[in-house]
Amino acid sequence: MKFEPVEFKTERLTLSPPTPDDAPFVLELLNDPGWIANIGDRGVRTLEDARAYIADRFAATPWFVVRDASGEPVGMCGIVEREGLDSPDIGYAYLERHAGRGYATEAARIVLRHAREALGLSKVAAITAPDNTASQRVLEKIGLKFVQMINLPGHDEASAYFTT
């Protein structure tokens, strides 16, 4: 699947493709306690590690989410193809200090709409840690439904699997 680098605007947010200049934010996000608890420690400890992570893992699919009022990056949201899933996956992560403000739902809605309308995806999946109820609520708000617990390659624990 080919993703075009586009920018989105919502009422409060701008979603833009990442660039190497985003390395300081990536370094902070990947070491945020919420990322480590719900996604896992990626071993990114330096700005150079963060630039490499952007090039290897973020270049094709996610968008960084910036709060328009301050210009401050708050998280990321995107569509990825994940081994073990039967359809592309919507994923997101936000710095803990920005939790509970509706940014995840606002960004996920526009990314899901883009996946359906521009990319032509009829089915989109999502996974969460079983105890990540906040993330599960976001998925439900944007129209995904819990299907079952699944085990993905490379993951030690089962994940909650949602789909459209």
Protein backbone atom coordinates (compact mmCIF):
# COMPACT_ATOMS: atom_id res chain seq x y z
CA MET A 1 0.00 0.00 0.00
CA LYS A 2 1.35 3.41 -0.96
CA PHE A 3 0.67 6.37 1.28
CA GLU A 4 0.94 9.92 0.00
CA PRO A 5 2.33 12.56 2.36
CA VAL A 6 -0.66 14.79 3.03
CA GLU A 7 -1.50 17.22 5.81
CA PHE A 8 -4.80 17.32 7.68
CA LYS A 9 -6.43 19.99 9.80
CA THR A 10 -9.13 19.51 12.38
CA GLU A 11 -10.77 22.04 14.66
CA ARG A 12 -7.78 22.04 17.04
CA LEU A 13 -5.05 20.00 15.39
CA THR A 14 -2.73 19.78 12.41
CA LEU A 15 -1.53 16.35 11.32
CA SER A 16 1.66 16.41 9.24
CA PRO A 17 4.08 13.77 7.97
CA PRO A 18 7.24 13.51 10.11
CA THR A 19 10.60 14.90 9.08
CA PRO A 20 14.10 14.41 10.52
CA ASP A 21 13.59 17.75 12.32
CA ASP A 22 10.99 15.98 14.49
CA ALA A 23 13.70 13.88 16.17
CA PRO A 24 13.50 15.71 19.55
CA PHE A 25 9.76 15.04 19.73
CA VAL A 26 10.20 11.39 18.68
CA LEU A 27 12.85 10.93 21.34
CA GLU A 28 10.46 12.30 23.97
CA LEU A 29 7.44 10.33 22.70
CA LEU A 30 9.24 6.97 22.49
CA ASN A 31 10.51 7.40 26.05
CA ASP A 32 7.20 8.63 27.48
CA PRO A 33 5.90 6.29 30.20
CA GLY A 34 2.64 5.78 28.27
CA TRP A 35 4.48 4.69 25.11
CA ILE A 36 6.69 2.28 27.03
CA ALA A 37 3.76 0.81 28.98
CA ASN A 38 1.38 0.40 26.04
CA ILE A 39 3.63 0.00 23.00
CA GLY A 40 7.01 -1.03 24.34
CA ASP A 41 10.54 0.23 24.79
CA ARG A 42 12.09 0.75 21.36
CA GLY A 43 15.57 1.52 22.71
CA VAL A 44 15.62 5.02 21.19
CA ARG A 45 17.88 7.06 23.46
CA THR A 46 19.56 9.69 21.30
CA LEU A 47 18.56 12.19 18.63
CA GLU A 48 20.42 10.06 16.08
CA ASP A 49 18.37 7.01 17.18
CA ALA A 50 15.22 9.12 16.78
CA ARG A 51 16.17 10.25 13.27
CA ALA A 52 16.80 6.63 12.28
CA TYR A 53 13.45 5.60 13.79
CA ILE A 54 11.68 8.29 11.76
CA ALA A 55 13.35 7.05 8.56
CA ASP A 56 12.75 3.36 9.27
CA ARG A 57 9.40 3.28 11.03
CA PHE A 58 7.57 6.59 10.61
CA ALA A 59 8.45 7.72 7.10
CA ALA A 60 5.58 6.09 5.22
CA THR A 61 2.45 6.15 7.32
CA PRO A 62 1.94 8.16 10.47
CA TRP A 63 1.26 11.79 10.99
CA PHE A 64 2.50 13.86 13.88
CA VAL A 65 -0.27 15.64 15.71
CA VAL A 66 0.34 19.29 16.61
CA ARG A 67 -1.94 21.41 18.75
CA ASP A 68 -2.74 24.49 16.69
CA ALA A 69 -3.15 26.82 19.66
CA SER A 70 0.48 26.40 20.73
CA GLY A 71 2.23 24.67 17.84
CA GLU A 72 3.29 21.99 20.31
CA PRO A 73 3.49 18.38 19.09
CA VAL A 74 1.26 16.19 21.26
CA GLY A 75 1.41 12.74 19.61
CA MET A 76 1.13 10.72 16.44
CA CYS A 77 -1.59 8.88 14.56
CA GLY A 78 -1.42 6.78 11.42
CA ILE A 79 -2.16 3.69 9.38
CA VAL A 80 0.38 0.87 9.35
CA GLU A 81 0.55 -2.61 7.89
CA ARG A 82 1.32 -4.92 10.78
CA GLU A 83 2.39 -8.54 10.50
CA GLY A 84 -0.33 -10.83 11.81
CA LEU A 85 -3.27 -8.55 10.99
CA ASP A 86 -5.58 -9.10 8.02
CA SER A 87 -5.98 -5.40 7.27
CA PRO A 88 -4.09 -2.13 7.85
CA ASP A 89 -3.99 -0.94 11.45
CA ILE A 90 -4.82 2.49 12.85
CA GLY A 91 -2.48 3.38 15.65
CA TYR A 92 -1.76 6.38 17.80
CA ALA A 93 0.29 7.50 20.77
CA TYR A 94 0.30 10.72 22.76
CA LEU A 95 2.49 12.18 25.45
CA GLU A 96 0.90 11.41 28.81
CA ARG A 97 0.65 15.09 29.68
CA HIS A 98 -1.83 15.50 26.80
CA ALA A 99 -4.08 12.56 27.71
CA GLY A 100 -7.79 13.06 28.26
CA ARG A 101 -8.20 16.09 25.99
CA GLY A 102 -9.79 14.31 23.02
CA TYR A 103 -6.78 14.68 20.71
CA ALA A 104 -6.58 10.93 20.00
CA THR A 105 -10.25 10.73 18.99
CA GLU A 106 -10.08 13.90 16.89
CA ALA A 107 -6.99 12.77 14.99
CA ALA A 108 -8.08 9.12 14.64
CA ARG A 109 -11.39 10.18 13.07
CA ILE A 110 -9.70 12.12 10.29
CA VAL A 111 -7.09 9.40 9.69
CA LEU A 112 -9.81 6.74 9.52
CA ARG A 113 -11.81 8.90 7.08
CA HIS A 114 -8.67 9.29 4.94
CA ALA A 115 -8.11 5.51 5.04
CA ARG A 116 -11.64 4.89 3.79
CA GLU A 117 -12.06 7.72 1.28
CA ALA A 118 -8.58 8.37 -0.15
CA LEU A 119 -6.99 4.94 0.32
CA GLY A 120 -10.14 2.94 -0.38
CA LEU A 121 -9.82 0.71 2.67
CA SER A 122 -13.08 -1.04 3.53
CA LYS A 123 -11.60 -2.63 6.65
CA VAL A 124 -9.25 -1.12 9.21
CA ALA A 125 -8.00 -2.93 12.31
CA ALA A 126 -6.49 -1.77 15.60
CA ILE A 127 -4.81 -3.43 18.54
CA THR A 128 -4.31 -2.31 22.11
CA ALA A 129 -2.85 -3.68 25.28
CA PRO A 130 -5.64 -5.52 27.10
CA ASP A 131 -5.65 -3.04 29.98
CA ASN A 132 -5.42 0.13 27.87
CA THR A 133 -9.06 1.13 28.33
CA ALA A 134 -8.49 4.75 27.28
CA SER A 135 -7.23 3.64 23.87
CA GLN A 136 -10.06 1.14 23.57
CA ARG A 137 -12.60 3.93 24.22
CA VAL A 138 -11.05 5.98 21.40
CA LEU A 139 -11.43 3.05 19.00
CA GLU A 140 -15.06 2.61 19.99
CA LYS A 141 -15.75 6.35 19.55
CA ILE A 142 -14.47 6.23 15.97
CA GLY A 143 -16.59 3.17 15.15
CA LEU A 144 -14.34 0.16 15.66
CA LYS A 145 -15.63 -2.86 17.56
CA PHE A 146 -13.78 -5.30 19.80
CA VAL A 147 -13.55 -8.71 18.10
CA GLN A 148 -11.25 -10.89 20.21
CA MET A 149 -7.89 -11.25 21.90
CA ILE A 150 -5.13 -12.20 19.43
CA ASN A 151 -1.45 -13.08 19.58
CA LEU A 152 0.71 -11.21 17.09
CA PRO A 153 4.16 -12.29 15.90
CA GLY A 154 6.85 -10.68 18.04
CA HIS A 155 4.49 -9.85 20.92
CA ASP A 156 4.77 -11.75 24.19
CA GLU A 157 1.26 -10.93 25.34
CA ALA A 158 -2.12 -11.06 23.65
CA SER A 159 -3.60 -7.86 22.22
CA ALA A 160 -7.19 -6.68 22.11
CA TYR A 161 -8.19 -6.73 18.42
CA PHE A 162 -10.70 -4.21 17.03
CA THR A 163 -11.97 -3.71 13.49
CA THR A 164 -14.43 -1.67 11.44
